[in-house]
Amino acid sequence: MNPATLPEQIAQTPEPVSIVRQESPRRLRRRLRGDLDTIVLRAMHKNPQRRYASVEQFSEDIRRHLEGRPVIARRDSWTYRAGKFANRHKIGVAATALILLAITGGIAATIREARIAAANERRAEERFNDVRKLANSLMFELHDSIKDLPGSTPARKLLVSRALQYLDRLSAEAKTDASLQRELAVGYEKIGDVQGQPRQANLGDPVGAAVSYKKALAIRESLAAADPSDLGVRRELAPNYGRLSDLLWTTGDPHSAIEYSQKGLALASALSQAKNATTADQMIFPTYRMDYGYKQVMIGTDRAAGLENIRNGAAALEQILSRDPANQRARRTLGLAYSRLADILADDDAGHTEAMALYKKAIAVKEPLVQTDRNNVEIQRLITYDKFGLGQLLANMNQYDAALEQDREALSEFQEYAKADPQNAQLRQDLGRVRQQMGLTFFNHGQPGLALEQLGLSLGNLDKLPDANKAQSYLGFAVLTDELWLGKAHVRLASSPSISREQAVQHCREAQAWFNKCLPGFEEIRDHGLPRYGGAERVAEIKAQMARCEQARKRNPKAAKLR
């Protein structure tokens, strides 16, 4: 129907038009609003200059409107053009919008996850550092505060073992962390000290101690090889060599012991000459020179060179202490140097006078350390050991009564220490050593019965300790010595004219039993070439003592029947 033919009574309003267009008035208004309004208004503008310049231009704008493109009649803007573009490419724009939304969501999720991961990493690092601080507190602050107290050996082991558990876990997470590896090495070294360091209170586990020391050594040697300029690692490496050397020395491997001592000495020499050497660096060289010299003498490689090393080490320590009288480490080490030199000279008749003076100097040097720390059992033990050394020297000088007086004083003090720290294997060995010395003194003083008593008590202290059956170890040799002198005491009693024939035979049987126990050990020492223990001489002595008993038996036919 042509609108021109509509009845005049029908008004030209949006409603009838929308009916004709089959659209709602609202939708029709929305379609007419915008570009179409603008085109019509421009075409009908009062100002001819602002109308379309031609019918073609007007037609082009209508075509552009129908195609959804920007029209000339409308003022241009990026939002207007974007809207038109979106209308023309609804599917593409929608897909792009979805992709952008997904990307934006992904970026947001990634950022969120990154923040969560960073927070977790911070928390993990905080836990890592907390555990590390705890381990170091157990290993350094707590352990070091109790290590010299009586009865602290089991507690020391617990503290260091727990610290090592923590450090082992941390090490698995941070194998490239050099500082953590150094802390782990310290932990292994400290647990080795508690397990079996012969110069400290220990639990009598030399095998475990060797394993721990070697773990610490492997870490430190690796770190030192990776950074040869790191003085800190090398300062920790030198004592590691020393501890392992001392342990191997007492467990019957003197050749390896002196090899590690030599490594420690070479490293100590380099540290003392370093550009940034400290007083501690300068002190470590004479310390290791003294230790190496002592082992040179005892292994029998070069007595003269060994004594020179000990004397030169002691002289250097004296100079350090004169410059710094408060240096407790220098004082302790100097006292040890005096004791070591005295131990060597005590076995030489020509050195008895000097040995006596050195033992007294050793005690005098160490006593101020006890005054500073009266709970330091380790220093007290070293002084007691010097008293024991004096007793042995006096016995060598045939001053038996004075020797026994020193031995009894040392025994009483060792008993007090052992009572306070019953799990300390070092103190049990000390008790065995002093009782052994008393037994020898009684024997040489013509009292074999009292010698048997003390030697039996000595063996009771020693034969249950680790390495007691290892002939080449320091402890094993002490056990063999007890057995040898127990046999000799029975031979002496069997030879006494005041006992009955039956008693003489019984003593010979006892002597034979002890000689049979110790002979294989001394033969092993002889065959392995350990001159410091005199294996060949002991084997010859045992055979001579057994022959003496046989002669005593043969002299009495009735006694022979009781055999």
Protein backbone atom coordinates (compact mmCIF):
# COMPACT_ATOMS: atom_id res chain seq x y z
CA MET A 1 0.00 0.00 0.00
CA ASN A 2 1.25 3.40 -0.94
CA PRO A 3 1.27 5.74 2.07
CA ALA A 4 0.06 8.53 -0.16
CA THR A 5 -3.27 6.75 -0.57
CA LEU A 6 -3.84 6.30 3.16
CA PRO A 7 -6.91 7.99 4.54
CA GLU A 8 -6.22 11.39 5.91
CA GLN A 9 -7.65 10.39 9.31
CA ILE A 10 -4.75 7.99 9.86
CA ALA A 11 -1.97 9.99 11.59
CA GLN A 12 1.64 9.51 10.51
CA THR A 13 2.88 8.30 13.88
CA PRO A 14 5.49 5.58 14.71
CA GLU A 15 2.82 3.03 15.52
CA PRO A 16 1.13 2.72 12.12
CA VAL A 17 4.51 2.89 10.42
CA SER A 18 5.83 0.11 12.62
CA ILE A 19 2.84 -1.98 11.68
CA VAL A 20 3.62 -1.51 8.04
CA ARG A 21 7.31 -2.28 8.70
CA GLN A 22 6.35 -5.23 10.88
CA GLU A 23 8.66 -4.02 13.68
CA SER A 24 8.05 -2.61 17.11
CA PRO A 25 8.17 1.15 17.46
CA ARG A 26 11.10 0.88 19.87
CA ARG A 27 13.13 -1.24 17.48
CA LEU A 28 12.20 1.00 14.57
CA ARG A 29 13.31 4.08 16.49
CA ARG A 30 16.64 2.36 17.28
CA ARG A 31 17.18 1.56 13.61
CA LEU A 32 16.34 5.06 12.46
CA ARG A 33 18.41 6.72 15.17
CA GLY A 34 22.06 7.31 14.37
CA ASP A 35 23.52 7.23 10.85
CA LEU A 36 20.18 7.40 9.03
CA ASP A 37 19.09 10.44 11.04
CA THR A 38 22.43 12.04 10.36
CA ILE A 39 22.20 11.35 6.60
CA VAL A 40 18.66 12.84 6.40
CA LEU A 41 19.60 15.87 8.51
CA ARG A 42 22.62 16.55 6.30
CA ALA A 43 20.62 16.17 3.13
CA MET A 44 18.00 18.68 4.47
CA HIS A 45 20.46 21.09 6.12
CA LYS A 46 19.50 24.75 5.78
CA ASN A 47 23.04 25.69 4.85
CA PRO A 48 23.72 24.50 1.30
CA GLN A 49 27.46 24.30 2.11
CA ARG A 50 26.79 21.60 4.68
CA ARG A 51 24.54 19.47 2.47
CA TYR A 52 25.77 16.66 0.22
CA ALA A 53 27.64 18.04 -2.72
CA SER A 54 25.90 15.70 -5.17
CA VAL A 55 23.27 13.01 -5.49
CA GLU A 56 26.14 10.47 -5.92
CA GLN A 57 27.60 11.48 -2.57
CA PHE A 58 24.19 11.19 -0.93
CA SER A 59 23.65 7.80 -2.60
CA GLU A 60 27.14 6.62 -1.51
CA ASP A 61 26.40 7.50 2.12
CA ILE A 62 23.13 5.54 2.01
CA ARG A 63 24.97 2.57 0.48
CA ARG A 64 27.66 2.80 3.18
CA HIS A 65 24.95 2.87 5.83
CA LEU A 66 23.28 -0.21 4.39
CA GLU A 67 26.66 -2.03 4.30
CA GLY A 68 27.36 -1.06 7.92
CA ARG A 69 30.33 1.12 7.04
CA PRO A 70 31.12 4.60 8.47
CA VAL A 71 29.15 7.36 6.67
CA ILE A 72 30.51 10.72 5.54
CA ALA A 73 27.73 12.62 7.31
CA ARG A 74 28.89 11.47 10.69
CA ARG A 75 31.87 12.88 12.60
CA ASP A 76 34.70 10.38 12.55
CA SER A 77 36.13 8.79 15.75
CA TRP A 78 37.92 5.53 16.61
CA THR A 79 34.99 4.34 18.73
CA TYR A 80 32.56 4.97 15.82
CA ARG A 81 34.74 3.11 13.35
CA ALA A 82 35.34 0.27 15.83
CA GLY A 83 31.61 -0.10 16.37
CA LYS A 84 30.97 -0.29 12.64
CA PHE A 85 33.71 -2.83 12.20
CA ALA A 86 32.30 -4.92 15.01
CA ASN A 87 28.83 -4.86 13.48
CA ARG A 88 30.19 -6.00 10.10
CA HIS A 89 32.32 -8.81 11.64
CA LYS A 90 30.26 -9.97 14.57
CA ILE A 91 31.44 -13.60 14.51
CA GLY A 92 35.12 -12.71 14.09
CA VAL A 93 34.99 -10.00 16.71
CA ALA A 94 33.16 -12.32 19.11
CA ALA A 95 35.75 -15.06 18.54
CA THR A 96 38.57 -12.57 18.97
CA ALA A 97 36.96 -11.26 22.13
CA LEU A 98 36.69 -14.80 23.48
CA ILE A 99 40.34 -15.46 22.65
CA LEU A 100 41.40 -12.21 24.28
CA LEU A 101 39.27 -13.05 27.29
CA ALA A 102 40.88 -16.48 27.52
CA ILE A 103 44.35 -14.98 27.15
CA THR A 104 43.59 -12.35 29.74
CA GLY A 105 42.21 -15.00 32.07
CA GLY A 106 45.26 -17.16 31.47
CA ILE A 107 47.60 -14.29 32.16
CA ALA A 108 45.69 -13.47 35.32
CA ALA A 109 45.80 -17.11 36.42
CA THR A 110 49.51 -17.31 35.61
CA ILE A 111 50.21 -14.17 37.60
CA ARG A 112 48.18 -15.54 40.48
CA GLU A 113 50.00 -18.90 40.34
CA ALA A 114 53.35 -17.10 40.15
CA ARG A 115 52.45 -15.09 43.21
CA ILE A 116 51.40 -18.26 45.04
CA ALA A 117 54.60 -20.02 43.95
CA ALA A 118 56.70 -17.05 45.06
CA ALA A 119 54.95 -17.04 48.42
CA ASN A 120 55.48 -20.80 48.77
CA GLU A 121 59.12 -20.38 47.80
CA ARG A 122 59.54 -17.67 50.41
CA ARG A 123 57.94 -19.90 53.03
CA ALA A 124 60.13 -22.84 51.97
CA GLU A 125 63.22 -20.67 52.12
CA GLU A 126 62.18 -19.44 55.56
CA ARG A 127 61.71 -23.05 56.73
CA PHE A 128 65.07 -23.99 55.16
CA ASN A 129 66.80 -21.17 57.01
CA ASP A 130 64.97 -21.96 60.25
CA VAL A 131 66.07 -25.62 60.12
CA ARG A 132 69.59 -24.53 59.24
CA LYS A 133 69.71 -22.14 62.19
CA LEU A 134 68.39 -24.87 64.48
CA ALA A 135 71.03 -27.34 63.29
CA ASN A 136 73.79 -24.81 63.79
CA SER A 137 72.46 -23.90 67.22
CA LEU A 138 72.51 -27.57 68.25
CA MET A 139 75.94 -28.15 66.76
CA PHE A 140 77.74 -25.02 67.86
CA GLU A 141 76.00 -23.14 70.65
CA LEU A 142 74.51 -26.03 72.63
CA HIS A 143 77.15 -28.68 71.93
CA ASP A 144 80.12 -26.39 72.51
CA SER A 145 78.60 -25.05 75.72
CA ILE A 146 78.47 -28.53 77.29
CA LYS A 147 81.34 -30.41 75.64
CA ASP A 148 83.74 -29.92 78.55
CA LEU A 149 81.20 -30.60 81.30
CA PRO A 150 81.36 -33.91 83.21
CA GLY A 151 78.86 -36.51 82.01
CA SER A 152 78.04 -34.64 78.80
CA THR A 153 79.23 -37.27 76.29
CA PRO A 154 75.81 -38.89 75.56
CA ALA A 155 74.13 -35.48 75.34
CA ARG A 156 76.82 -34.31 72.90
CA LYS A 157 76.14 -37.29 70.67
CA LEU A 158 72.39 -36.63 70.72
CA LEU A 159 72.83 -32.95 69.82
CA VAL A 160 75.25 -33.53 66.98
CA SER A 161 73.32 -36.53 65.62
CA ARG A 162 70.12 -34.49 65.49
CA ALA A 163 71.92 -31.59 63.84
CA LEU A 164 73.37 -33.97 61.24
CA GLN A 165 69.90 -35.32 60.42
CA TYR A 166 68.72 -31.80 59.68
CA LEU A 167 71.82 -30.90 57.67
CA ASP A 168 71.65 -34.12 55.64
CA ARG A 169 68.11 -33.25 54.55
CA LEU A 170 69.08 -29.70 53.70
CA SER A 171 72.14 -30.89 51.78
CA ALA A 172 69.94 -33.04 49.54
CA GLU A 173 68.04 -29.87 48.59
CA ALA A 174 71.09 -27.63 48.15
CA LYS A 175 74.07 -29.69 46.99
CA THR A 176 75.63 -26.65 45.34
CA ASP A 177 75.47 -24.49 48.47
CA ALA A 178 79.14 -24.38 49.55
CA SER A 179 78.43 -22.78 52.92
CA LEU A 180 75.90 -25.51 53.74
CA GLN A 181 78.40 -28.17 52.71
CA ARG A 182 80.93 -26.62 55.10
CA GLU A 183 78.40 -26.78 57.93
CA LEU A 184 77.71 -30.41 57.08
CA ALA A 185 81.44 -31.19 57.24
CA VAL A 186 81.64 -29.57 60.68
CA GLY A 187 78.74 -31.78 61.77
CA TYR A 188 80.49 -34.95 60.59
CA GLU A 189 83.68 -33.87 62.33
CA LYS A 190 81.92 -33.19 65.61
CA ILE A 191 80.06 -36.49 65.57
CA GLY A 192 83.40 -38.17 64.88
CA ASP A 193 84.81 -36.46 67.97
CA VAL A 194 81.99 -37.83 70.11
CA GLN A 195 82.21 -41.29 68.56
CA GLY A 196 85.90 -41.91 69.09
CA GLN A 197 88.35 -38.98 69.12
CA PRO A 198 91.16 -40.37 71.31
CA ARG A 199 92.16 -36.95 72.65
CA GLN A 200 88.65 -36.04 73.81
CA ALA A 201 85.78 -37.56 75.77
CA ASN A 202 84.24 -40.17 73.45
CA LEU A 203 81.85 -43.12 73.33
CA GLY A 204 84.42 -45.69 72.19
CA ASP A 205 83.35 -46.10 68.54
CA PRO A 206 86.58 -45.63 66.55
CA VAL A 207 85.17 -47.28 63.41
CA GLY A 208 82.23 -44.88 63.33
CA ALA A 209 84.56 -41.97 64.06
CA ALA A 210 86.78 -42.87 61.09
CA VAL A 211 83.73 -42.96 58.79
CA SER A 212 82.54 -39.56 60.03
CA TYR A 213 85.98 -37.94 59.72
CA LYS A 214 86.37 -39.25 56.18
CA LYS A 215 82.96 -37.87 55.17
CA ALA A 216 83.99 -34.45 56.48
CA LEU A 217 87.35 -34.76 54.71
CA ALA A 218 85.76 -35.65 51.35
CA ILE A 219 83.51 -32.56 51.50
CA ARG A 220 86.36 -30.22 52.48
CA GLU A 221 88.84 -31.56 49.95
CA SER A 222 86.21 -31.12 47.24
CA LEU A 223 85.48 -27.54 48.32
CA ALA A 224 89.21 -26.74 48.56
CA ALA A 225 89.80 -28.11 45.05
CA ALA A 226 86.90 -26.05 43.69
CA ASP A 227 88.26 -22.84 45.23
CA PRO A 228 91.95 -23.05 46.25
CA SER A 229 91.88 -19.41 47.38
CA ASP A 230 89.24 -20.07 50.08
CA LEU A 231 91.26 -19.84 53.29
CA GLY A 232 88.22 -20.68 55.42
CA VAL A 233 87.89 -24.17 53.92
CA ARG A 234 91.64 -24.80 54.22
CA ARG A 235 91.57 -23.71 57.87
CA GLU A 236 88.94 -26.39 58.50
CA LEU A 237 90.71 -28.99 56.37
CA ALA A 238 93.98 -28.96 58.37
CA PRO A 239 92.38 -30.01 61.71
CA ASN A 240 90.42 -32.67 59.81
CA TYR A 241 93.72 -34.24 58.78
CA GLY A 242 94.92 -34.02 62.38
CA ARG A 243 91.85 -35.68 63.89
CA LEU A 244 91.91 -38.54 61.41
CA SER A 245 95.65 -38.96 61.97
CA ASP A 246 95.21 -39.22 65.76
CA LEU A 247 92.41 -41.75 65.37
CA LEU A 248 94.35 -43.97 62.96
CA TRP A 249 97.40 -43.73 65.22
CA THR A 250 95.55 -45.14 68.21
CA THR A 251 93.67 -47.78 66.18
CA GLY A 252 96.85 -49.37 64.85
CA ASP A 253 97.48 -47.77 61.46
CA PRO A 254 100.56 -45.62 62.16
CA HIS A 255 101.67 -45.35 58.54
CA SER A 256 98.36 -43.83 57.40
CA ALA A 257 98.34 -41.72 60.56
CA ILE A 258 101.71 -40.15 59.80
CA GLU A 259 100.66 -39.64 56.17
CA TYR A 260 97.64 -37.57 57.25
CA SER A 261 99.78 -35.76 59.82
CA GLN A 262 102.19 -34.81 57.04
CA LYS A 263 99.30 -33.49 54.92
CA GLY A 264 98.12 -31.42 57.86
CA LEU A 265 101.63 -30.08 58.38
CA ALA A 266 102.00 -29.03 54.73
CA LEU A 267 98.64 -27.26 54.76
CA ALA A 268 99.41 -25.60 58.12
CA SER A 269 102.70 -24.30 56.72
CA ALA A 270 100.90 -22.77 53.72
CA LEU A 271 98.26 -21.16 55.95
CA SER A 272 100.90 -19.63 58.24
CA GLN A 273 102.55 -18.00 55.22
CA ALA A 274 99.36 -16.77 53.56
CA LYS A 275 99.02 -13.05 52.86
CA ASN A 276 96.08 -12.65 55.24
CA ALA A 277 97.37 -15.08 57.88
CA THR A 278 95.87 -14.60 61.34
CA THR A 279 97.39 -15.43 64.73
CA ALA A 280 95.49 -18.73 64.61
CA ASP A 281 97.03 -19.45 61.19
CA GLN A 282 100.48 -18.77 62.55
CA MET A 283 99.83 -21.02 65.54
CA ILE A 284 98.61 -23.99 63.54
CA PHE A 285 102.00 -24.64 61.94
CA PRO A 286 103.96 -25.25 65.18
CA THR A 287 101.00 -27.31 66.44
CA TYR A 288 101.20 -29.68 63.50
CA ARG A 289 104.96 -29.65 63.50
CA MET A 290 104.89 -30.85 67.10
CA ASP A 291 102.33 -33.56 66.29
CA TYR A 292 104.24 -34.79 63.25
CA GLY A 293 107.49 -34.85 65.21
CA TYR A 294 105.95 -36.94 67.99
CA LYS A 295 104.72 -39.52 65.49
CA GLN A 296 108.09 -39.55 63.73
CA VAL A 297 109.75 -40.52 67.00
CA MET A 298 107.15 -43.08 68.06
CA ILE A 299 107.04 -44.86 64.71
CA GLY A 300 110.80 -45.05 64.73
CA THR A 301 111.43 -43.36 61.37
CA ASP A 302 113.68 -40.54 62.55
CA ARG A 303 114.01 -39.86 66.27
CA ALA A 304 116.39 -36.90 65.92
CA ALA A 305 114.23 -35.12 63.32
CA GLY A 306 111.10 -35.84 65.35
CA LEU A 307 112.57 -34.37 68.54
CA GLU A 308 113.71 -31.30 66.60
CA ASN A 309 110.20 -30.79 65.21
CA ILE A 310 108.67 -31.02 68.68
CA ARG A 311 111.20 -28.61 70.20
CA ASN A 312 110.83 -26.08 67.38
CA GLY A 313 107.04 -26.31 67.61
CA ALA A 314 107.15 -25.71 71.35
CA ALA A 315 109.52 -22.73 70.92
CA ALA A 316 107.17 -21.10 68.39
CA LEU A 317 104.21 -21.62 70.71
CA GLU A 318 106.16 -20.06 73.58
CA GLN A 319 106.70 -16.94 71.45
CA ILE A 320 103.02 -16.73 70.58
CA LEU A 321 102.03 -17.10 74.24
CA SER A 322 104.54 -14.46 75.32
CA ARG A 323 102.97 -12.00 72.89
CA ASP A 324 99.43 -13.00 73.85
CA PRO A 325 99.26 -14.47 77.38
CA ALA A 326 95.46 -14.70 77.17
CA ASN A 327 95.58 -17.03 74.17
CA GLN A 328 94.07 -20.16 75.75
CA ARG A 329 94.49 -22.28 72.65
CA ALA A 330 98.22 -21.52 72.50
CA ARG A 331 98.50 -22.27 76.21
CA ARG A 332 96.76 -25.63 75.92
CA THR A 333 98.80 -26.65 72.86
CA LEU A 334 102.07 -25.61 74.45
CA GLY A 335 101.24 -27.70 77.51
CA LEU A 336 100.56 -30.64 75.21
CA ALA A 337 103.92 -30.11 73.47
CA TYR A 338 105.72 -30.23 76.83
CA SER A 339 103.85 -33.44 77.74
CA ARG A 340 104.65 -35.13 74.42
CA LEU A 341 108.34 -34.29 74.68
CA ALA A 342 108.43 -35.49 78.30
CA ASP A 343 106.75 -38.79 77.33
CA ILE A 344 109.53 -39.47 74.85
CA LEU A 345 112.40 -38.46 77.12
CA ALA A 346 110.99 -40.45 80.07
CA ASP A 347 112.03 -43.71 78.36
CA ASP A 348 115.64 -42.54 78.03
CA ASP A 349 117.89 -42.56 81.12
CA ALA A 350 119.73 -39.51 79.80
CA GLY A 351 116.49 -37.60 79.43
CA HIS A 352 114.95 -38.19 82.89
CA THR A 353 115.91 -34.80 84.35
CA GLU A 354 114.55 -32.86 81.39
CA ALA A 355 111.42 -35.00 81.29
CA MET A 356 110.73 -34.20 84.97
CA ALA A 357 111.06 -30.47 84.28
CA LEU A 358 108.82 -30.72 81.20
CA TYR A 359 106.01 -32.52 83.05
CA LYS A 360 106.05 -29.82 85.70
CA LYS A 361 106.06 -27.09 83.03
CA ALA A 362 103.14 -28.78 81.29
CA ILE A 363 101.11 -28.74 84.52
CA ALA A 364 102.03 -25.14 85.26
CA VAL A 365 101.03 -23.98 81.77
CA LYS A 366 97.66 -25.75 81.89
CA GLU A 367 96.60 -24.84 85.44
CA PRO A 368 95.53 -21.25 84.56
CA LEU A 369 93.06 -22.79 82.09
CA VAL A 370 91.37 -24.65 84.95
CA GLN A 371 91.26 -21.45 86.99
CA THR A 372 89.46 -19.78 84.09
CA ASP A 373 86.98 -22.63 83.64
CA ARG A 374 86.66 -24.95 86.63
CA ASN A 375 84.09 -27.11 84.83
CA ASN A 376 86.47 -27.93 81.99
CA VAL A 377 87.03 -31.64 82.60
CA GLU A 378 89.13 -32.00 79.47
CA ILE A 379 91.85 -29.67 80.77
CA GLN A 380 91.65 -31.27 84.22
CA ARG A 381 92.13 -34.67 82.59
CA LEU A 382 95.22 -33.45 80.71
CA ILE A 383 96.76 -32.26 83.97
CA THR A 384 95.95 -35.59 85.63
CA TYR A 385 97.57 -37.35 82.72
CA ASP A 386 100.74 -35.33 83.33
CA LYS A 387 100.67 -36.55 86.95
CA PHE A 388 100.36 -40.08 85.63
CA GLY A 389 103.34 -39.39 83.35
CA LEU A 390 105.31 -38.20 86.34
CA GLY A 391 104.50 -41.46 88.13
CA GLN A 392 105.77 -43.46 85.17
CA LEU A 393 108.95 -41.36 85.04
CA LEU A 394 109.57 -41.84 88.77
CA ALA A 395 109.12 -45.59 88.33
CA ASN A 396 111.70 -45.51 85.52
CA MET A 397 114.02 -43.74 87.96
CA ASN A 398 113.43 -46.52 90.53
CA GLN A 399 111.67 -44.10 92.91
CA TYR A 400 108.85 -46.54 93.53
CA ASP A 401 107.20 -44.99 96.55
CA ALA A 402 107.06 -41.56 94.90
CA ALA A 403 105.83 -43.20 91.69
CA LEU A 404 102.98 -44.97 93.50
CA GLU A 405 102.02 -41.74 95.24
CA GLN A 406 101.68 -39.99 91.86
CA ASP A 407 99.80 -42.96 90.42
CA ARG A 408 97.33 -43.03 93.31
CA GLU A 409 96.66 -39.32 92.95
CA ALA A 410 96.08 -39.71 89.22
CA LEU A 411 93.86 -42.78 89.79
CA SER A 412 91.69 -40.92 92.28
CA GLU A 413 91.16 -38.03 89.88
CA PHE A 414 90.41 -40.30 86.92
CA GLN A 415 87.87 -42.15 89.06
CA GLU A 416 86.10 -38.89 89.87
CA TYR A 417 85.92 -37.95 86.18
CA ALA A 418 84.68 -41.41 85.20
CA LYS A 419 82.04 -41.38 87.94
CA ALA A 420 80.63 -38.16 86.48
CA ASP A 421 80.82 -39.44 82.89
CA PRO A 422 80.41 -43.26 82.99
CA GLN A 423 79.94 -43.63 79.20
CA ASN A 424 83.22 -41.91 78.43
CA ALA A 425 85.43 -44.63 76.92
CA GLN A 426 88.48 -42.38 77.06
CA LEU A 427 88.29 -42.21 80.85
CA ARG A 428 87.88 -46.00 81.15
CA GLN A 429 91.06 -46.33 79.14
CA ASP A 430 92.79 -43.80 81.40
CA LEU A 431 91.80 -45.85 84.45
CA GLY A 432 93.18 -48.98 82.83
CA ARG A 433 96.45 -47.25 81.96
CA VAL A 434 97.12 -45.91 85.45
CA ARG A 435 96.25 -49.24 87.09
CA GLN A 436 98.56 -50.97 84.65
CA GLN A 437 101.36 -48.61 85.61
CA MET A 438 100.71 -49.29 89.29
CA GLY A 439 100.83 -53.03 88.60
CA LEU A 440 104.22 -52.71 86.88
CA THR A 441 105.52 -50.58 89.73
CA PHE A 442 104.40 -53.15 92.30
CA PHE A 443 106.00 -55.91 90.24
CA ASN A 444 109.31 -54.08 89.94
CA HIS A 445 109.10 -53.21 93.64
CA GLY A 446 108.99 -56.92 94.50
CA GLN A 447 105.25 -57.19 95.21
CA PRO A 448 103.84 -59.56 92.53
CA GLY A 449 100.65 -60.23 94.50
CA LEU A 450 99.70 -56.53 94.46
CA ALA A 451 100.80 -56.41 90.83
CA LEU A 452 98.30 -59.18 89.98
CA GLU A 453 95.50 -57.22 91.67
CA GLN A 454 96.17 -53.96 89.80
CA LEU A 455 96.83 -55.66 86.45
CA GLY A 456 93.57 -57.59 86.77
CA LEU A 457 91.67 -54.36 87.47
CA SER A 458 93.42 -52.71 84.54
CA LEU A 459 92.39 -55.51 82.20
CA GLY A 460 88.83 -55.20 83.47
CA ASN A 461 88.82 -51.55 82.40
CA LEU A 462 90.33 -52.20 78.99
CA ASP A 463 89.27 -55.53 77.52
CA LYS A 464 85.63 -54.57 76.90
CA LEU A 465 86.48 -51.43 74.92
CA PRO A 466 86.45 -51.36 71.10
CA ASP A 467 89.78 -52.36 69.52
CA ALA A 468 90.75 -54.32 72.65
CA ASN A 469 91.33 -57.38 70.45
CA LYS A 470 93.21 -55.43 67.77
CA ALA A 471 96.86 -56.03 68.60
CA GLN A 472 98.23 -53.14 66.57
CA SER A 473 95.97 -50.55 68.18
CA TYR A 474 97.01 -48.46 71.15
CA LEU A 475 94.31 -50.09 73.26
CA GLY A 476 95.04 -53.59 71.99
CA PHE A 477 98.70 -53.21 72.92
CA ALA A 478 97.70 -52.11 76.42
CA VAL A 479 95.58 -55.27 76.79
CA LEU A 480 98.48 -57.44 75.59
CA THR A 481 100.75 -55.69 78.09
CA ASP A 482 98.37 -56.50 80.96
CA GLU A 483 98.26 -60.14 79.88
CA LEU A 484 102.05 -60.33 79.57
CA TRP A 485 102.68 -58.89 83.02
CA LEU A 486 99.96 -61.00 84.59
CA GLY A 487 101.86 -64.02 83.27
CA LYS A 488 105.17 -62.63 84.53
CA ALA A 489 103.67 -61.98 87.99
CA HIS A 490 102.52 -65.62 88.18
CA VAL A 491 105.99 -66.79 87.14
CA ARG A 492 107.49 -64.62 89.88
CA LEU A 493 105.11 -66.13 92.41
CA ALA A 494 105.79 -69.66 91.15
CA SER A 495 109.50 -69.04 91.71
CA SER A 496 109.00 -67.91 95.29
CA PRO A 497 110.49 -70.30 97.84
CA SER A 498 107.74 -69.47 100.36
CA ILE A 499 104.87 -71.13 98.49
CA SER A 500 103.86 -74.79 98.33
CA ARG A 501 104.57 -77.06 95.42
CA GLU A 502 100.88 -77.16 94.49
CA GLN A 503 100.73 -73.38 94.50
CA ALA A 504 103.83 -73.17 92.31
CA VAL A 505 102.26 -75.48 89.74
CA GLN A 506 99.02 -73.51 89.79
CA HIS A 507 100.88 -70.24 89.22
CA CYS A 508 102.71 -71.81 86.29
CA ARG A 509 99.40 -72.90 84.79
CA GLU A 510 98.03 -69.38 85.19
CA ALA A 511 101.19 -67.92 83.65
CA GLN A 512 100.99 -70.34 80.73
CA ALA A 513 97.35 -69.31 80.10
CA TRP A 514 98.20 -65.59 80.04
CA PHE A 515 101.22 -66.11 77.80
CA ASN A 516 99.16 -68.17 75.38
CA LYS A 517 96.62 -65.32 75.19
CA CYS A 518 99.10 -62.55 74.43
CA LEU A 519 101.74 -64.37 72.35
CA PRO A 520 99.75 -64.32 69.03
CA GLY A 521 99.20 -60.58 69.41
CA PHE A 522 102.88 -59.83 69.97
CA GLU A 523 103.78 -62.08 67.02
CA GLU A 524 101.37 -60.07 64.87
CA ILE A 525 103.01 -56.81 66.01
CA ARG A 526 106.43 -58.27 65.28
CA ASP A 527 105.42 -59.44 61.80
CA HIS A 528 103.88 -56.08 60.88
CA GLY A 529 107.04 -54.17 61.73
CA LEU A 530 105.83 -51.83 64.46
CA PRO A 531 109.05 -51.01 66.35
CA ARG A 532 107.36 -48.71 68.85
CA TYR A 533 105.64 -51.74 70.43
CA GLY A 534 108.71 -54.00 70.52
CA GLY A 535 106.90 -57.08 69.26
CA ALA A 536 110.03 -59.18 68.68
CA GLU A 537 111.38 -58.42 72.16
CA ARG A 538 108.06 -59.33 73.77
CA VAL A 539 107.86 -62.64 71.90
CA ALA A 540 111.36 -63.54 73.07
CA GLU A 541 110.48 -62.51 76.63
CA ILE A 542 107.35 -64.69 76.67
CA LYS A 543 109.28 -67.71 75.50
CA ALA A 544 111.91 -67.11 78.17
CA GLN A 545 109.24 -66.81 80.87
CA MET A 546 107.53 -70.00 79.73
CA ALA A 547 110.87 -71.81 79.87
CA ARG A 548 111.42 -70.48 83.38
CA CYS A 549 108.11 -71.93 84.53
CA GLU A 550 108.96 -75.27 82.93
CA GLN A 551 112.27 -75.34 84.79
CA ALA A 552 110.51 -74.61 88.09
CA ARG A 553 108.11 -77.50 87.45
CA LYS A 554 110.86 -79.93 86.54
CA ARG A 555 112.79 -79.13 89.69
CA ASN A 556 109.98 -80.70 91.69
CA PRO A 557 108.83 -84.21 90.54
CA LYS A 558 105.74 -84.13 92.75
CA ALA A 559 104.71 -80.85 91.22
CA ALA A 560 105.15 -82.33 87.77
CA LYS A 561 102.51 -84.97 88.53
CA LEU A 562 100.02 -82.22 89.36
CA ARG A 563 100.39 -80.66 85.95
